[in-house]
Amino acid sequence: MIRLLSLLLIALALGGCGMFGSGSRDDNPFDASENAMSDEQTRAQVVDPAVQVVRAVPLDDVTGGFSFGSCNDQGEPPFQGRVEVAFKLPADPGAVFAQIRDAMVAQGWTSGTPQGQIVHGDSLNRNGVTAAVGPRAGDPGYGALQLYGECRNAGDHGSKGAVDITDELR
């Protein structure tokens, strides 16, 4: 329970720090009338692939959280869906990270980030979603799979916290 609470708190704390574009906000204008995604689409864009990965790779002690994250420093629209899946690392963490990457590549993911995005650590991308996998910061013995969706949700999500998706992942 404490680990789940810390997962949700970290997801909230990382609200504006997950992904940074290479240009200014004016370089990448958001047109809500043409490109907007509903809350359900935003959630599915990152939760569905997280579920697929967890079902493809045997992971121990899996927990997860979903949140909406602002794509700017003002905490305003547009928002993206974000998922963090935490799991207990085995004695050889490199092997499980490789299994996750291999499973994702088999599911159509490509190594690297989409053009114009920067993510810390190893990353993959598919259909506008960026994923990073590696050790979980501040939680020795655990790894993390983080997924970041497209900045296409025009809703007001500034004060919404993370939602536990652990049951969906298991």
C-alpha atoms as a PDB file:
ATOM      1  CA  MET A   1       0.000   0.000   0.000  1.00  0.00           C
ATOM      2  CA  ILE A   2       2.846   2.387   0.830  1.00  0.00           C
ATOM      3  CA  ARG A   3       4.507   1.608  -2.508  1.00  0.00           C
ATOM      4  CA  LEU A   4       1.244   2.325  -4.360  1.00  0.00           C
ATOM      5  CA  LEU A   5       0.819   5.603  -2.505  1.00  0.00           C
ATOM      6  CA  SER A   6       4.393   6.574  -3.357  1.00  0.00           C
ATOM      7  CA  LEU A   7       3.734   5.659  -7.011  1.00  0.00           C
ATOM      8  CA  LEU A   8       0.717   7.935  -7.124  1.00  0.00           C
ATOM      9  CA  LEU A   9       2.588  10.769  -5.391  1.00  0.00           C
ATOM     10  CA  ILE A  10       5.500  10.468  -7.810  1.00  0.00           C
ATOM     11  CA  ALA A  11       3.101  10.553 -10.751  1.00  0.00           C
ATOM     12  CA  LEU A  12       1.631  13.761  -9.381  1.00  0.00           C
ATOM     13  CA  ALA A  13       5.041  15.282  -8.727  1.00  0.00           C
ATOM     14  CA  LEU A  14       6.168  14.481 -12.254  1.00  0.00           C
ATOM     15  CA  GLY A  15       3.087  16.143 -13.700  1.00  0.00           C
ATOM     16  CA  GLY A  16       5.019  18.692 -15.718  1.00  0.00           C
ATOM     17  CA  CYS A  17       8.374  16.920 -15.961  1.00  0.00           C
ATOM     18  CA  GLY A  18       7.722  13.841 -18.072  1.00  0.00           C
ATOM     19  CA  MET A  19       8.376  15.095 -21.555  1.00  0.00           C
ATOM     20  CA  PHE A  20       9.718  18.274 -23.048  1.00  0.00           C
ATOM     21  CA  GLY A  21       9.361  19.480 -26.617  1.00  0.00           C
ATOM     22  CA  SER A  22      12.324  20.982 -28.407  1.00  0.00           C
ATOM     23  CA  GLY A  23      10.538  24.178 -29.384  1.00  0.00           C
ATOM     24  CA  SER A  24       8.366  26.813 -27.806  1.00  0.00           C
ATOM     25  CA  ARG A  25       4.629  26.488 -27.347  1.00  0.00           C
ATOM     26  CA  ASP A  26       4.124  28.663 -30.447  1.00  0.00           C
ATOM     27  CA  ASP A  27       6.114  26.190 -32.547  1.00  0.00           C
ATOM     28  CA  ASN A  28       3.566  23.478 -31.801  1.00  0.00           C
ATOM     29  CA  PRO A  29       0.136  25.122 -31.521  1.00  0.00           C
ATOM     30  CA  PHE A  30      -2.742  23.077 -30.167  1.00  0.00           C
ATOM     31  CA  ASP A  31      -5.993  23.361 -32.070  1.00  0.00           C
ATOM     32  CA  ALA A  32      -8.652  21.831 -29.828  1.00  0.00           C
ATOM     33  CA  SER A  33     -11.276  21.913 -32.569  1.00  0.00           C
ATOM     34  CA  GLU A  34      -9.316  19.625 -34.908  1.00  0.00           C
ATOM     35  CA  ASN A  35      -6.999  17.498 -32.805  1.00  0.00           C
ATOM     36  CA  ALA A  36      -8.596  17.032 -29.400  1.00  0.00           C
ATOM     37  CA  MET A  37      -8.911  13.648 -27.749  1.00  0.00           C
ATOM     38  CA  SER A  38     -11.598  12.794 -25.216  1.00  0.00           C
ATOM     39  CA  ASP A  39     -10.663  11.809 -21.660  1.00  0.00           C
ATOM     40  CA  GLU A  40     -11.446   8.179 -22.547  1.00  0.00           C
ATOM     41  CA  GLN A  41      -9.238   8.272 -25.666  1.00  0.00           C
ATOM     42  CA  THR A  42      -6.428   9.955 -23.729  1.00  0.00           C
ATOM     43  CA  ARG A  43      -6.592   7.298 -21.020  1.00  0.00           C
ATOM     44  CA  ALA A  44      -6.818   4.365 -23.455  1.00  0.00           C
ATOM     45  CA  GLN A  45      -3.856   5.682 -25.452  1.00  0.00           C
ATOM     46  CA  VAL A  46      -1.492   4.935 -22.538  1.00  0.00           C
ATOM     47  CA  VAL A  47      -3.331   2.410 -20.339  1.00  0.00           C
ATOM     48  CA  ASP A  48      -4.033  -0.122 -23.109  1.00  0.00           C
ATOM     49  CA  PRO A  49      -0.363  -0.490 -24.139  1.00  0.00           C
ATOM     50  CA  ALA A  50       0.693  -0.701 -20.472  1.00  0.00           C
ATOM     51  CA  VAL A  51      -1.720  -3.610 -20.004  1.00  0.00           C
ATOM     52  CA  GLN A  52      -0.381  -5.298 -23.170  1.00  0.00           C
ATOM     53  CA  VAL A  53       3.213  -5.097 -21.918  1.00  0.00           C
ATOM     54  CA  VAL A  54       2.400  -6.377 -18.430  1.00  0.00           C
ATOM     55  CA  ARG A  55       0.514  -9.330 -19.936  1.00  0.00           C
ATOM     56  CA  ALA A  56       3.428 -10.117 -22.294  1.00  0.00           C
ATOM     57  CA  VAL A  57       6.229 -10.012 -19.702  1.00  0.00           C
ATOM     58  CA  PRO A  58       6.054 -11.790 -16.336  1.00  0.00           C
ATOM     59  CA  LEU A  59       6.645  -9.051 -13.747  1.00  0.00           C
ATOM     60  CA  ASP A  60       6.494  -9.354  -9.963  1.00  0.00           C
ATOM     61  CA  ASP A  61       4.567  -7.093  -7.581  1.00  0.00           C
ATOM     62  CA  VAL A  62       3.083  -4.874 -10.325  1.00  0.00           C
ATOM     63  CA  THR A  63       1.326  -1.610  -9.448  1.00  0.00           C
ATOM     64  CA  GLY A  64       0.328   1.294 -11.656  1.00  0.00           C
ATOM     65  CA  GLY A  65      -1.191   4.734 -11.849  1.00  0.00           C
ATOM     66  CA  PHE A  66      -2.727   6.925 -14.563  1.00  0.00           C
ATOM     67  CA  SER A  67      -2.801  10.714 -14.561  1.00  0.00           C
ATOM     68  CA  PHE A  68      -3.376  13.660 -16.868  1.00  0.00           C
ATOM     69  CA  GLY A  69      -0.286  15.842 -17.249  1.00  0.00           C
ATOM     70  CA  SER A  70      -0.161  19.350 -18.637  1.00  0.00           C
ATOM     71  CA  CYS A  71       2.061  19.766 -21.661  1.00  0.00           C
ATOM     72  CA  ASN A  72       3.129  23.256 -20.599  1.00  0.00           C
ATOM     73  CA  ASP A  73       4.505  25.007 -17.543  1.00  0.00           C
ATOM     74  CA  GLN A  74       1.233  26.798 -16.816  1.00  0.00           C
ATOM     75  CA  GLY A  75      -0.723  23.643 -15.944  1.00  0.00           C
ATOM     76  CA  GLU A  76      -3.198  24.453 -18.724  1.00  0.00           C
ATOM     77  CA  PRO A  77      -4.418  22.474 -21.744  1.00  0.00           C
ATOM     78  CA  PRO A  78      -3.384  20.615 -23.682  1.00  0.00           C
ATOM     79  CA  PHE A  79      -2.957  17.582 -21.439  1.00  0.00           C
ATOM     80  CA  GLN A  80      -1.525  14.140 -22.110  1.00  0.00           C
ATOM     81  CA  GLY A  81      -2.223  10.786 -20.510  1.00  0.00           C
ATOM     82  CA  ARG A  82       0.572   9.369 -18.357  1.00  0.00           C
ATOM     83  CA  VAL A  83       1.028   5.916 -16.887  1.00  0.00           C
ATOM     84  CA  GLU A  84       3.671   4.597 -14.548  1.00  0.00           C
ATOM     85  CA  VAL A  85       3.915   0.852 -13.965  1.00  0.00           C
ATOM     86  CA  ALA A  86       6.161  -0.196 -11.080  1.00  0.00           C
ATOM     87  CA  PHE A  87       7.466  -3.726 -10.612  1.00  0.00           C
ATOM     88  CA  LYS A  88       9.906  -5.588  -8.378  1.00  0.00           C
ATOM     89  CA  LEU A  89      13.283  -6.107 -10.026  1.00  0.00           C
ATOM     90  CA  PRO A  90      14.851  -9.580 -10.162  1.00  0.00           C
ATOM     91  CA  ALA A  91      18.514 -10.241  -9.389  1.00  0.00           C
ATOM     92  CA  ASP A  92      19.390  -9.363 -13.020  1.00  0.00           C
ATOM     93  CA  PRO A  93      17.400  -6.188 -13.791  1.00  0.00           C
ATOM     94  CA  GLY A  94      18.979  -5.794 -17.228  1.00  0.00           C
ATOM     95  CA  ALA A  95      17.315  -9.008 -18.367  1.00  0.00           C
ATOM     96  CA  VAL A  96      13.811  -7.848 -17.399  1.00  0.00           C
ATOM     97  CA  PHE A  97      14.358  -4.428 -19.029  1.00  0.00           C
ATOM     98  CA  ALA A  98      15.450  -6.242 -22.216  1.00  0.00           C
ATOM     99  CA  GLN A  99      12.363  -8.501 -22.034  1.00  0.00           C
ATOM    100  CA  ILE A 100      10.105  -5.452 -21.765  1.00  0.00           C
ATOM    101  CA  ARG A 101      11.805  -3.706 -24.694  1.00  0.00           C
ATOM    102  CA  ASP A 102      11.704  -6.893 -26.799  1.00  0.00           C
ATOM    103  CA  ALA A 103       8.002  -7.408 -26.044  1.00  0.00           C
ATOM    104  CA  MET A 104       7.250  -3.806 -26.978  1.00  0.00           C
ATOM    105  CA  VAL A 105       9.201  -4.043 -30.250  1.00  0.00           C
ATOM    106  CA  ALA A 106       7.237  -7.236 -31.039  1.00  0.00           C
ATOM    107  CA  GLN A 107       4.057  -5.186 -30.438  1.00  0.00           C
ATOM    108  CA  GLY A 108       5.138  -2.578 -33.017  1.00  0.00           C
ATOM    109  CA  TRP A 109       7.084  -0.097 -30.878  1.00  0.00           C
ATOM    110  CA  THR A 110      10.193   1.593 -32.330  1.00  0.00           C
ATOM    111  CA  SER A 111      13.326   2.536 -30.413  1.00  0.00           C
ATOM    112  CA  GLY A 112      13.767   6.238 -29.689  1.00  0.00           C
ATOM    113  CA  THR A 113      11.360   9.127 -29.298  1.00  0.00           C
ATOM    114  CA  PRO A 114       9.149  10.821 -31.879  1.00  0.00           C
ATOM    115  CA  GLN A 115      10.727  13.844 -33.527  1.00  0.00           C
ATOM    116  CA  GLY A 116      10.776  16.903 -31.252  1.00  0.00           C
ATOM    117  CA  GLN A 117      10.465  15.016 -27.959  1.00  0.00           C
ATOM    118  CA  ILE A 118      13.075  14.423 -25.300  1.00  0.00           C
ATOM    119  CA  VAL A 119      12.730  11.718 -22.646  1.00  0.00           C
ATOM    120  CA  HIS A 120      15.322  10.828 -20.029  1.00  0.00           C
ATOM    121  CA  GLY A 121      16.582   7.250 -20.380  1.00  0.00           C
ATOM    122  CA  ASP A 122      15.955   4.547 -22.981  1.00  0.00           C
ATOM    123  CA  SER A 123      12.741   5.111 -24.876  1.00  0.00           C
ATOM    124  CA  LEU A 124      10.410   3.616 -27.438  1.00  0.00           C
ATOM    125  CA  ASN A 125       7.482   5.087 -29.361  1.00  0.00           C
ATOM    126  CA  ARG A 126       4.355   3.957 -31.188  1.00  0.00           C
ATOM    127  CA  ASN A 127       1.381   5.897 -32.549  1.00  0.00           C
ATOM    128  CA  GLY A 128       2.286   9.121 -30.720  1.00  0.00           C
ATOM    129  CA  VAL A 129       2.986   7.429 -27.380  1.00  0.00           C
ATOM    130  CA  THR A 130       6.468   7.509 -25.850  1.00  0.00           C
ATOM    131  CA  ALA A 131       7.600   4.884 -23.335  1.00  0.00           C
ATOM    132  CA  ALA A 132      10.633   4.754 -21.053  1.00  0.00           C
ATOM    133  CA  VAL A 133      11.777   1.764 -19.011  1.00  0.00           C
ATOM    134  CA  GLY A 134      14.423   1.562 -16.319  1.00  0.00           C
ATOM    135  CA  PRO A 135      15.059   1.653 -12.571  1.00  0.00           C
ATOM    136  CA  ARG A 136      12.426   3.446 -10.518  1.00  0.00           C
ATOM    137  CA  ALA A 137      13.812   6.685  -9.135  1.00  0.00           C
ATOM    138  CA  GLY A 138      13.800   6.804  -5.353  1.00  0.00           C
ATOM    139  CA  ASP A 139      12.592   3.207  -4.973  1.00  0.00           C
ATOM    140  CA  PRO A 140      15.568   0.786  -4.931  1.00  0.00           C
ATOM    141  CA  GLY A 141      14.694  -2.703  -6.029  1.00  0.00           C
ATOM    142  CA  TYR A 142      11.889  -1.579  -8.337  1.00  0.00           C
ATOM    143  CA  GLY A 143      11.716  -0.796 -12.028  1.00  0.00           C
ATOM    144  CA  ALA A 144       9.333   1.479 -13.892  1.00  0.00           C
ATOM    145  CA  LEU A 145       7.644   1.550 -17.268  1.00  0.00           C
ATOM    146  CA  GLN A 146       6.402   5.065 -18.015  1.00  0.00           C
ATOM    147  CA  LEU A 147       4.125   5.915 -20.936  1.00  0.00           C
ATOM    148  CA  TYR A 148       3.360   9.442 -22.161  1.00  0.00           C
ATOM    149  CA  GLY A 149       0.558  10.080 -24.638  1.00  0.00           C
ATOM    150  CA  GLU A 150      -0.003  12.859 -27.113  1.00  0.00           C
ATOM    151  CA  CYS A 151      -0.747  16.420 -25.975  1.00  0.00           C
ATOM    152  CA  ARG A 152      -4.267  16.430 -27.395  1.00  0.00           C
ATOM    153  CA  ASN A 153      -6.686  16.615 -24.460  1.00  0.00           C
ATOM    154  CA  ALA A 154      -8.349  20.013 -24.025  1.00  0.00           C
ATOM    155  CA  GLY A 155     -10.049  19.240 -20.697  1.00  0.00           C
ATOM    156  CA  ASP A 156      -9.407  20.991 -17.400  1.00  0.00           C
ATOM    157  CA  HIS A 157      -7.279  18.463 -15.507  1.00  0.00           C
ATOM    158  CA  GLY A 158      -5.053  20.807 -13.522  1.00  0.00           C
ATOM    159  CA  SER A 159      -6.150  19.600 -10.083  1.00  0.00           C
ATOM    160  CA  LYS A 160      -6.848  15.929 -10.828  1.00  0.00           C
ATOM    161  CA  GLY A 161      -4.570  13.412  -9.157  1.00  0.00           C
ATOM    162  CA  ALA A 162      -3.391  10.001 -10.235  1.00  0.00           C
ATOM    163  CA  VAL A 163      -5.789   7.054 -10.431  1.00  0.00           C
ATOM    164  CA  ASP A 164      -4.779   3.532  -9.368  1.00  0.00           C
ATOM    165  CA  ILE A 165      -4.867   1.128 -12.367  1.00  0.00           C
ATOM    166  CA  THR A 166      -3.230  -1.848 -10.625  1.00  0.00           C
ATOM    167  CA  ASP A 167      -6.310  -4.085 -11.030  1.00  0.00           C
ATOM    168  CA  GLU A 168      -6.350  -3.440 -14.794  1.00  0.00           C
ATOM    169  CA  LEU A 169      -2.691  -4.421 -15.049  1.00  0.00           C
ATOM    170  CA  ARG A 170      -3.028  -7.769 -13.260  1.00  0.00           C
END
